[in-house]
C-alpha atoms as a PDB file:
ATOM      1  CA  MET A   1       0.000   0.000   0.000  1.00  0.00           C
ATOM      2  CA  LYS A   2       2.850   2.408   0.839  1.00  0.00           C
ATOM      3  CA  ARG A   3       4.385   1.715  -2.546  1.00  0.00           C
ATOM      4  CA  PHE A   4       1.111   2.522  -4.338  1.00  0.00           C
ATOM      5  CA  VAL A   5       0.751   5.814  -2.442  1.00  0.00           C
ATOM      6  CA  SER A   6       4.386   6.731  -3.231  1.00  0.00           C
ATOM      7  CA  VAL A   7       3.873   6.088  -6.955  1.00  0.00           C
ATOM      8  CA  LEU A   8       0.620   8.032  -6.898  1.00  0.00           C
ATOM      9  CA  LEU A   9       2.293  11.001  -5.191  1.00  0.00           C
ATOM     10  CA  VAL A  10       5.055  11.015  -7.817  1.00  0.00           C
ATOM     11  CA  LEU A  11       2.717  10.661 -10.803  1.00  0.00           C
ATOM     12  CA  THR A  12       0.018  13.158  -9.781  1.00  0.00           C
ATOM     13  CA  PRO A  13       2.126  16.307 -10.412  1.00  0.00           C
ATOM     14  CA  LEU A  14       3.404  14.785 -13.659  1.00  0.00           C
ATOM     15  CA  LEU A  15      -0.124  14.105 -14.902  1.00  0.00           C
ATOM     16  CA  ALA A  16      -1.145  17.656 -14.018  1.00  0.00           C
ATOM     17  CA  VAL A  17       1.718  19.037 -16.122  1.00  0.00           C
ATOM     18  CA  ILE A  18       0.928  16.728 -19.054  1.00  0.00           C
ATOM     19  CA  GLY A  19      -2.750  17.651 -18.911  1.00  0.00           C
ATOM     20  CA  SER A  20      -1.961  21.352 -19.069  1.00  0.00           C
ATOM     21  CA  GLY A  21       0.425  21.093 -22.044  1.00  0.00           C
ATOM     22  CA  PRO A  22       0.052  22.651 -25.501  1.00  0.00           C
ATOM     23  CA  ALA A  23      -2.656  20.227 -26.668  1.00  0.00           C
ATOM     24  CA  ALA A  24      -4.854  21.056 -23.711  1.00  0.00           C
ATOM     25  CA  ALA A  25      -4.182  24.795 -24.044  1.00  0.00           C
ATOM     26  CA  GLN A  26      -5.297  25.086 -27.685  1.00  0.00           C
ATOM     27  CA  GLN A  27      -8.777  26.515 -27.923  1.00  0.00           C
ATOM     28  CA  VAL A  28     -10.930  25.718 -30.934  1.00  0.00           C
ATOM     29  CA  PRO A  29     -13.206  28.599 -31.920  1.00  0.00           C
ATOM     30  CA  SER A  30     -16.872  27.800 -31.292  1.00  0.00           C
ATOM     31  CA  SER A  31     -17.613  28.644 -34.926  1.00  0.00           C
ATOM     32  CA  ALA A  32     -15.081  26.076 -36.174  1.00  0.00           C
ATOM     33  CA  PRO A  33     -16.538  23.696 -38.757  1.00  0.00           C
ATOM     34  CA  ILE A  34     -16.546  19.927 -38.400  1.00  0.00           C
ATOM     35  CA  LEU A  35     -14.037  18.689 -40.985  1.00  0.00           C
ATOM     36  CA  TRP A  36     -13.512  15.372 -42.769  1.00  0.00           C
ATOM     37  CA  VAL A  37     -11.765  13.948 -45.823  1.00  0.00           C
ATOM     38  CA  MET A  38     -13.871  12.134 -48.408  1.00  0.00           C
ATOM     39  CA  LYS A  39     -12.623  10.949 -51.817  1.00  0.00           C
ATOM     40  CA  ASP A  40      -9.348  12.858 -51.399  1.00  0.00           C
ATOM     41  CA  ASP A  41     -11.067  16.189 -50.754  1.00  0.00           C
ATOM     42  CA  LEU A  42     -11.814  18.196 -47.652  1.00  0.00           C
ATOM     43  CA  TRP A  43     -15.400  18.768 -46.530  1.00  0.00           C
ATOM     44  CA  ALA A  44     -16.897  20.878 -43.745  1.00  0.00           C
ATOM     45  CA  TYR A  45     -20.131  20.947 -41.809  1.00  0.00           C
ATOM     46  CA  SER A  46     -21.230  24.177 -40.149  1.00  0.00           C
ATOM     47  CA  GLU A  47     -23.395  23.697 -37.086  1.00  0.00           C
ATOM     48  CA  ALA A  48     -24.499  27.331 -37.341  1.00  0.00           C
ATOM     49  CA  THR A  49     -25.956  26.952 -40.866  1.00  0.00           C
ATOM     50  CA  GLY A  50     -26.467  23.187 -41.059  1.00  0.00           C
ATOM     51  CA  GLN A  51     -24.698  23.163 -44.443  1.00  0.00           C
ATOM     52  CA  VAL A  52     -22.110  20.733 -45.809  1.00  0.00           C
ATOM     53  CA  THR A  53     -19.491  22.359 -48.042  1.00  0.00           C
ATOM     54  CA  GLN A  54     -16.775  20.832 -50.213  1.00  0.00           C
ATOM     55  CA  LEU A  55     -13.674  22.920 -49.440  1.00  0.00           C
ATOM     56  CA  THR A  56     -11.257  21.486 -52.022  1.00  0.00           C
ATOM     57  CA  GLN A  57     -11.544  20.065 -55.545  1.00  0.00           C
ATOM     58  CA  ASN A  58      -9.177  17.241 -56.584  1.00  0.00           C
ATOM     59  CA  ALA A  59      -6.674  18.316 -53.930  1.00  0.00           C
ATOM     60  CA  HIS A  60      -5.654  14.785 -52.881  1.00  0.00           C
ATOM     61  CA  VAL A  61      -5.924  15.689 -49.196  1.00  0.00           C
ATOM     62  CA  TRP A  62      -4.202  13.070 -47.056  1.00  0.00           C
ATOM     63  CA  ASP A  63      -5.256  13.656 -43.540  1.00  0.00           C
ATOM     64  CA  LEU A  64      -7.377  15.916 -41.416  1.00  0.00           C
ATOM     65  CA  PRO A  65      -6.037  19.461 -41.414  1.00  0.00           C
ATOM     66  CA  VAL A  66      -5.056  21.589 -38.450  1.00  0.00           C
ATOM     67  CA  LEU A  67      -7.088  24.727 -37.742  1.00  0.00           C
ATOM     68  CA  SER A  68      -5.161  27.969 -37.176  1.00  0.00           C
ATOM     69  CA  PRO A  69      -5.492  29.542 -33.721  1.00  0.00           C
ATOM     70  CA  ASP A  70      -7.782  32.274 -35.086  1.00  0.00           C
ATOM     71  CA  GLY A  71      -9.946  29.742 -36.941  1.00  0.00           C
ATOM     72  CA  THR A  72      -9.493  31.310 -40.404  1.00  0.00           C
ATOM     73  CA  LYS A  73      -7.015  28.910 -42.041  1.00  0.00           C
ATOM     74  CA  LEU A  74      -6.143  25.243 -42.241  1.00  0.00           C
ATOM     75  CA  ALA A  75      -2.705  23.652 -42.609  1.00  0.00           C
ATOM     76  CA  LEU A  76      -2.775  20.268 -44.323  1.00  0.00           C
ATOM     77  CA  LEU A  77      -0.874  17.614 -46.234  1.00  0.00           C
ATOM     78  CA  VAL A  78      -1.724  16.976 -49.876  1.00  0.00           C
ATOM     79  CA  ALA A  79      -0.336  14.355 -52.227  1.00  0.00           C
ATOM     80  CA  SER A  80       2.410  15.771 -54.414  1.00  0.00           C
ATOM     81  CA  PRO A  81       2.083  15.531 -58.221  1.00  0.00           C
ATOM     82  CA  ILE A  82       4.820  12.858 -58.266  1.00  0.00           C
ATOM     83  CA  THR A  83       2.739  10.753 -55.859  1.00  0.00           C
ATOM     84  CA  VAL A  84      -0.377  11.142 -57.998  1.00  0.00           C
ATOM     85  CA  GLN A  85       1.670  10.118 -61.048  1.00  0.00           C
ATOM     86  CA  VAL A  86       2.894   6.950 -59.308  1.00  0.00           C
ATOM     87  CA  TRP A  87      -0.662   6.118 -58.192  1.00  0.00           C
ATOM     88  CA  GLU A  88      -1.995   6.534 -61.722  1.00  0.00           C
ATOM     89  CA  THR A  89       0.769   4.548 -63.454  1.00  0.00           C
ATOM     90  CA  SER A  90       1.336   1.754 -60.938  1.00  0.00           C
ATOM     91  CA  GLY A  91      -1.942   1.457 -59.086  1.00  0.00           C
ATOM     92  CA  GLY A  92      -0.466   2.784 -55.860  1.00  0.00           C
ATOM     93  CA  PHE A  93       2.070   1.717 -53.275  1.00  0.00           C
ATOM     94  CA  SER A  94       2.225   1.104 -49.567  1.00  0.00           C
ATOM     95  CA  GLY A  95       3.995   3.069 -46.875  1.00  0.00           C
ATOM     96  CA  ASN A  96       4.811   6.748 -46.721  1.00  0.00           C
ATOM     97  CA  ALA A  97       4.564   8.725 -49.925  1.00  0.00           C
ATOM     98  CA  PRO A  98       5.818  12.131 -51.009  1.00  0.00           C
ATOM     99  CA  SER A  99       3.544  14.919 -49.838  1.00  0.00           C
ATOM    100  CA  ASP A 100       3.299  18.696 -49.973  1.00  0.00           C
ATOM    101  CA  VAL A 101       2.192  21.113 -47.252  1.00  0.00           C
ATOM    102  CA  ALA A 102      -0.691  23.434 -48.089  1.00  0.00           C
ATOM    103  CA  MET A 103      -2.693  26.175 -46.411  1.00  0.00           C
ATOM    104  CA  LEU A 104      -6.406  26.694 -47.030  1.00  0.00           C
ATOM    105  CA  ASP A 105      -7.955  30.108 -46.350  1.00  0.00           C
ATOM    106  CA  LEU A 106     -11.465  29.348 -45.067  1.00  0.00           C
ATOM    107  CA  GLN A 107     -12.747  32.819 -45.956  1.00  0.00           C
ATOM    108  CA  THR A 108     -11.593  32.900 -49.602  1.00  0.00           C
ATOM    109  CA  GLY A 109     -11.256  29.184 -50.348  1.00  0.00           C
ATOM    110  CA  ALA A 110      -7.742  29.739 -51.697  1.00  0.00           C
ATOM    111  CA  LEU A 111      -5.459  26.703 -51.390  1.00  0.00           C
ATOM    112  CA  THR A 112      -1.779  27.696 -51.283  1.00  0.00           C
ATOM    113  CA  VAL A 113       0.905  25.012 -51.454  1.00  0.00           C
ATOM    114  CA  VAL A 114       3.752  26.207 -49.218  1.00  0.00           C
ATOM    115  CA  ALA A 115       6.153  23.240 -49.507  1.00  0.00           C
ATOM    116  CA  VAL A 116       6.610  21.331 -52.764  1.00  0.00           C
ATOM    117  CA  GLN A 117       8.831  18.551 -54.034  1.00  0.00           C
ATOM    118  CA  PRO A 118      12.240  19.391 -55.559  1.00  0.00           C
ATOM    119  CA  GLU A 119      12.309  20.281 -59.274  1.00  0.00           C
ATOM    120  CA  ASP A 120      14.125  17.035 -60.044  1.00  0.00           C
ATOM    121  CA  ALA A 121      11.724  14.924 -57.936  1.00  0.00           C
ATOM    122  CA  CYS A 122      11.736  11.296 -58.948  1.00  0.00           C
ATOM    123  CA  LEU A 123      10.109   8.244 -57.438  1.00  0.00           C
ATOM    124  CA  PHE A 124      10.459   4.804 -59.044  1.00  0.00           C
ATOM    125  CA  CYS A 125      11.958   6.388 -62.197  1.00  0.00           C
ATOM    126  CA  GLN A 126      14.000   4.047 -64.375  1.00  0.00           C
ATOM    127  CA  GLY A 127      17.686   4.904 -64.393  1.00  0.00           C
ATOM    128  CA  ARG A 128      17.331   7.770 -61.904  1.00  0.00           C
ATOM    129  CA  PRO A 129      17.679   7.770 -58.125  1.00  0.00           C
ATOM    130  CA  ASP A 130      14.654   8.599 -56.000  1.00  0.00           C
ATOM    131  CA  ASN A 131      14.587  12.210 -54.795  1.00  0.00           C
ATOM    132  CA  VAL A 132      11.493  13.219 -52.815  1.00  0.00           C
ATOM    133  CA  PHE A 133      10.363  14.607 -49.457  1.00  0.00           C
ATOM    134  CA  MET A 134       8.106  12.661 -47.106  1.00  0.00           C
ATOM    135  CA  ARG A 135       6.402  15.123 -44.765  1.00  0.00           C
ATOM    136  CA  ALA A 136       4.659  14.798 -41.409  1.00  0.00           C
ATOM    137  CA  ALA A 137       1.428  16.566 -40.522  1.00  0.00           C
ATOM    138  CA  PRO A 138       1.882  20.309 -40.079  1.00  0.00           C
ATOM    139  CA  THR A 139       1.088  22.338 -36.977  1.00  0.00           C
ATOM    140  CA  TRP A 140       0.537  26.041 -36.244  1.00  0.00           C
ATOM    141  CA  SER A 141       2.573  28.313 -34.005  1.00  0.00           C
ATOM    142  CA  PRO A 142       0.516  29.528 -31.021  1.00  0.00           C
ATOM    143  CA  ASP A 143       0.145  33.004 -32.587  1.00  0.00           C
ATOM    144  CA  GLY A 144      -0.841  31.598 -36.011  1.00  0.00           C
ATOM    145  CA  THR A 145       1.993  33.303 -37.893  1.00  0.00           C
ATOM    146  CA  GLN A 146       3.942  30.153 -38.782  1.00  0.00           C
ATOM    147  CA  ILE A 147       3.366  26.570 -39.886  1.00  0.00           C
ATOM    148  CA  ALA A 148       5.875  23.891 -38.876  1.00  0.00           C
ATOM    149  CA  TRP A 149       6.419  20.286 -40.006  1.00  0.00           C
ATOM    150  CA  THR A 150       9.148  17.695 -40.234  1.00  0.00           C
ATOM    151  CA  GLU A 151      10.338  16.154 -43.454  1.00  0.00           C
ATOM    152  CA  LEU A 152      12.441  13.235 -44.527  1.00  0.00           C
ATOM    153  CA  HIS A 153      14.535  13.569 -47.668  1.00  0.00           C
ATOM    154  CA  TYR A 154      14.322  10.210 -49.445  1.00  0.00           C
ATOM    155  CA  PRO A 155      16.467   8.237 -50.269  1.00  0.00           C
ATOM    156  CA  ALA A 156      18.170   7.546 -46.987  1.00  0.00           C
ATOM    157  CA  ASN A 157      21.570   8.686 -48.340  1.00  0.00           C
ATOM    158  CA  ALA A 158      20.329  12.214 -49.076  1.00  0.00           C
ATOM    159  CA  PRO A 159      22.588  14.996 -47.728  1.00  0.00           C
ATOM    160  CA  GLU A 160      19.865  16.497 -45.516  1.00  0.00           C
ATOM    161  CA  LEU A 161      17.990  13.512 -44.171  1.00  0.00           C
ATOM    162  CA  HIS A 162      15.681  14.898 -41.420  1.00  0.00           C
ATOM    163  CA  ARG A 163      14.611  18.517 -41.192  1.00  0.00           C
ATOM    164  CA  LEU A 164      12.295  20.660 -39.122  1.00  0.00           C
ATOM    165  CA  MET A 165      10.756  23.254 -41.439  1.00  0.00           C
ATOM    166  CA  ILE A 166       8.972  26.455 -40.504  1.00  0.00           C
ATOM    167  CA  TYR A 167       6.945  28.481 -42.979  1.00  0.00           C
ATOM    168  CA  ASP A 168       6.535  32.130 -42.000  1.00  0.00           C
ATOM    169  CA  LEU A 169       3.221  33.516 -43.305  1.00  0.00           C
ATOM    170  CA  ALA A 170       4.347  37.159 -43.060  1.00  0.00           C
ATOM    171  CA  ARG A 171       7.430  36.564 -45.201  1.00  0.00           C
ATOM    172  CA  PHE A 172       5.921  33.833 -47.401  1.00  0.00           C
ATOM    173  CA  ARG A 173       9.043  31.719 -47.236  1.00  0.00           C
ATOM    174  CA  ASP A 174      10.539  28.666 -45.619  1.00  0.00           C
ATOM    175  CA  LEU A 175      12.882  29.099 -42.700  1.00  0.00           C
ATOM    176  CA  ARG A 176      15.073  26.089 -42.061  1.00  0.00           C
ATOM    177  CA  ARG A 177      15.387  25.671 -38.291  1.00  0.00           C
ATOM    178  CA  ALA A 178      17.096  22.368 -37.682  1.00  0.00           C
ATOM    179  CA  GLU A 179      18.842  19.663 -39.620  1.00  0.00           C
ATOM    180  CA  ASP A 180      19.965  16.162 -38.820  1.00  0.00           C
END
Protein backbone atom coordinates (compact mmCIF):
# COMPACT_ATOMS: atom_id res chain seq x y z
CA MET A 1 0.00 0.00 0.00
CA LYS A 2 2.85 2.41 0.84
CA ARG A 3 4.38 1.71 -2.55
CA PHE A 4 1.11 2.52 -4.34
CA VAL A 5 0.75 5.81 -2.44
CA SER A 6 4.39 6.73 -3.23
CA VAL A 7 3.87 6.09 -6.96
CA LEU A 8 0.62 8.03 -6.90
CA LEU A 9 2.29 11.00 -5.19
CA VAL A 10 5.06 11.02 -7.82
CA LEU A 11 2.72 10.66 -10.80
CA THR A 12 0.02 13.16 -9.78
CA PRO A 13 2.13 16.31 -10.41
CA LEU A 14 3.40 14.78 -13.66
CA LEU A 15 -0.12 14.11 -14.90
CA ALA A 16 -1.15 17.66 -14.02
CA VAL A 17 1.72 19.04 -16.12
CA ILE A 18 0.93 16.73 -19.05
CA GLY A 19 -2.75 17.65 -18.91
CA SER A 20 -1.96 21.35 -19.07
CA GLY A 21 0.43 21.09 -22.04
CA PRO A 22 0.05 22.65 -25.50
CA ALA A 23 -2.66 20.23 -26.67
CA ALA A 24 -4.85 21.06 -23.71
CA ALA A 25 -4.18 24.80 -24.04
CA GLN A 26 -5.30 25.09 -27.68
CA GLN A 27 -8.78 26.51 -27.92
CA VAL A 28 -10.93 25.72 -30.93
CA PRO A 29 -13.21 28.60 -31.92
CA SER A 30 -16.87 27.80 -31.29
CA SER A 31 -17.61 28.64 -34.93
CA ALA A 32 -15.08 26.08 -36.17
CA PRO A 33 -16.54 23.70 -38.76
CA ILE A 34 -16.55 19.93 -38.40
CA LEU A 35 -14.04 18.69 -40.98
CA TRP A 36 -13.51 15.37 -42.77
CA VAL A 37 -11.76 13.95 -45.82
CA MET A 38 -13.87 12.13 -48.41
CA LYS A 39 -12.62 10.95 -51.82
CA ASP A 40 -9.35 12.86 -51.40
CA ASP A 41 -11.07 16.19 -50.75
CA LEU A 42 -11.81 18.20 -47.65
CA TRP A 43 -15.40 18.77 -46.53
CA ALA A 44 -16.90 20.88 -43.74
CA TYR A 45 -20.13 20.95 -41.81
CA SER A 46 -21.23 24.18 -40.15
CA GLU A 47 -23.39 23.70 -37.09
CA ALA A 48 -24.50 27.33 -37.34
CA THR A 49 -25.96 26.95 -40.87
CA GLY A 50 -26.47 23.19 -41.06
CA GLN A 51 -24.70 23.16 -44.44
CA VAL A 52 -22.11 20.73 -45.81
CA THR A 53 -19.49 22.36 -48.04
CA GLN A 54 -16.77 20.83 -50.21
CA LEU A 55 -13.67 22.92 -49.44
CA THR A 56 -11.26 21.49 -52.02
CA GLN A 57 -11.54 20.06 -55.54
CA ASN A 58 -9.18 17.24 -56.58
CA ALA A 59 -6.67 18.32 -53.93
CA HIS A 60 -5.65 14.78 -52.88
CA VAL A 61 -5.92 15.69 -49.20
CA TRP A 62 -4.20 13.07 -47.06
CA ASP A 63 -5.26 13.66 -43.54
CA LEU A 64 -7.38 15.92 -41.42
CA PRO A 65 -6.04 19.46 -41.41
CA VAL A 66 -5.06 21.59 -38.45
CA LEU A 67 -7.09 24.73 -37.74
CA SER A 68 -5.16 27.97 -37.18
CA PRO A 69 -5.49 29.54 -33.72
CA ASP A 70 -7.78 32.27 -35.09
CA GLY A 71 -9.95 29.74 -36.94
CA THR A 72 -9.49 31.31 -40.40
CA LYS A 73 -7.02 28.91 -42.04
CA LEU A 74 -6.14 25.24 -42.24
CA ALA A 75 -2.71 23.65 -42.61
CA LEU A 76 -2.77 20.27 -44.32
CA LEU A 77 -0.87 17.61 -46.23
CA VAL A 78 -1.72 16.98 -49.88
CA ALA A 79 -0.34 14.36 -52.23
CA SER A 80 2.41 15.77 -54.41
CA PRO A 81 2.08 15.53 -58.22
CA ILE A 82 4.82 12.86 -58.27
CA THR A 83 2.74 10.75 -55.86
CA VAL A 84 -0.38 11.14 -58.00
CA GLN A 85 1.67 10.12 -61.05
CA VAL A 86 2.89 6.95 -59.31
CA TRP A 87 -0.66 6.12 -58.19
CA GLU A 88 -2.00 6.53 -61.72
CA THR A 89 0.77 4.55 -63.45
CA SER A 90 1.34 1.75 -60.94
CA GLY A 91 -1.94 1.46 -59.09
CA GLY A 92 -0.47 2.78 -55.86
CA PHE A 93 2.07 1.72 -53.27
CA SER A 94 2.22 1.10 -49.57
CA GLY A 95 4.00 3.07 -46.88
CA ASN A 96 4.81 6.75 -46.72
CA ALA A 97 4.56 8.73 -49.92
CA PRO A 98 5.82 12.13 -51.01
CA SER A 99 3.54 14.92 -49.84
CA ASP A 100 3.30 18.70 -49.97
CA VAL A 101 2.19 21.11 -47.25
CA ALA A 102 -0.69 23.43 -48.09
CA MET A 103 -2.69 26.17 -46.41
CA LEU A 104 -6.41 26.69 -47.03
CA ASP A 105 -7.95 30.11 -46.35
CA LEU A 106 -11.47 29.35 -45.07
CA GLN A 107 -12.75 32.82 -45.96
CA THR A 108 -11.59 32.90 -49.60
CA GLY A 109 -11.26 29.18 -50.35
CA ALA A 110 -7.74 29.74 -51.70
CA LEU A 111 -5.46 26.70 -51.39
CA THR A 112 -1.78 27.70 -51.28
CA VAL A 113 0.91 25.01 -51.45
CA VAL A 114 3.75 26.21 -49.22
CA ALA A 115 6.15 23.24 -49.51
CA VAL A 116 6.61 21.33 -52.76
CA GLN A 117 8.83 18.55 -54.03
CA PRO A 118 12.24 19.39 -55.56
CA GLU A 119 12.31 20.28 -59.27
CA ASP A 120 14.12 17.04 -60.04
CA ALA A 121 11.72 14.92 -57.94
CA CYS A 122 11.74 11.30 -58.95
CA LEU A 123 10.11 8.24 -57.44
CA PHE A 124 10.46 4.80 -59.04
CA CYS A 125 11.96 6.39 -62.20
CA GLN A 126 14.00 4.05 -64.37
CA GLY A 127 17.69 4.90 -64.39
CA ARG A 128 17.33 7.77 -61.90
CA PRO A 129 17.68 7.77 -58.12
CA ASP A 130 14.65 8.60 -56.00
CA ASN A 131 14.59 12.21 -54.79
CA VAL A 132 11.49 13.22 -52.81
CA PHE A 133 10.36 14.61 -49.46
CA MET A 134 8.11 12.66 -47.11
CA ARG A 135 6.40 15.12 -44.76
CA ALA A 136 4.66 14.80 -41.41
CA ALA A 137 1.43 16.57 -40.52
CA PRO A 138 1.88 20.31 -40.08
CA THR A 139 1.09 22.34 -36.98
CA TRP A 140 0.54 26.04 -36.24
CA SER A 141 2.57 28.31 -34.00
CA PRO A 142 0.52 29.53 -31.02
CA ASP A 143 0.14 33.00 -32.59
CA GLY A 144 -0.84 31.60 -36.01
CA THR A 145 1.99 33.30 -37.89
CA GLN A 146 3.94 30.15 -38.78
CA ILE A 147 3.37 26.57 -39.89
CA ALA A 148 5.87 23.89 -38.88
CA TRP A 149 6.42 20.29 -40.01
CA THR A 150 9.15 17.69 -40.23
CA GLU A 151 10.34 16.15 -43.45
CA LEU A 152 12.44 13.23 -44.53
CA HIS A 153 14.53 13.57 -47.67
CA TYR A 154 14.32 10.21 -49.45
CA PRO A 155 16.47 8.24 -50.27
CA ALA A 156 18.17 7.55 -46.99
CA ASN A 157 21.57 8.69 -48.34
CA ALA A 158 20.33 12.21 -49.08
CA PRO A 159 22.59 15.00 -47.73
CA GLU A 160 19.86 16.50 -45.52
CA LEU A 161 17.99 13.51 -44.17
CA HIS A 162 15.68 14.90 -41.42
CA ARG A 163 14.61 18.52 -41.19
CA LEU A 164 12.29 20.66 -39.12
CA MET A 165 10.76 23.25 -41.44
CA ILE A 166 8.97 26.45 -40.50
CA TYR A 167 6.94 28.48 -42.98
CA ASP A 168 6.53 32.13 -42.00
CA LEU A 169 3.22 33.52 -43.30
CA ALA A 170 4.35 37.16 -43.06
CA ARG A 171 7.43 36.56 -45.20
CA PHE A 172 5.92 33.83 -47.40
CA ARG A 173 9.04 31.72 -47.24
CA ASP A 174 10.54 28.67 -45.62
CA LEU A 175 12.88 29.10 -42.70
CA ARG A 176 15.07 26.09 -42.06
CA ARG A 177 15.39 25.67 -38.29
CA ALA A 178 17.10 22.37 -37.68
CA GLU A 179 18.84 19.66 -39.62
CA ASP A 180 19.97 16.16 -38.82
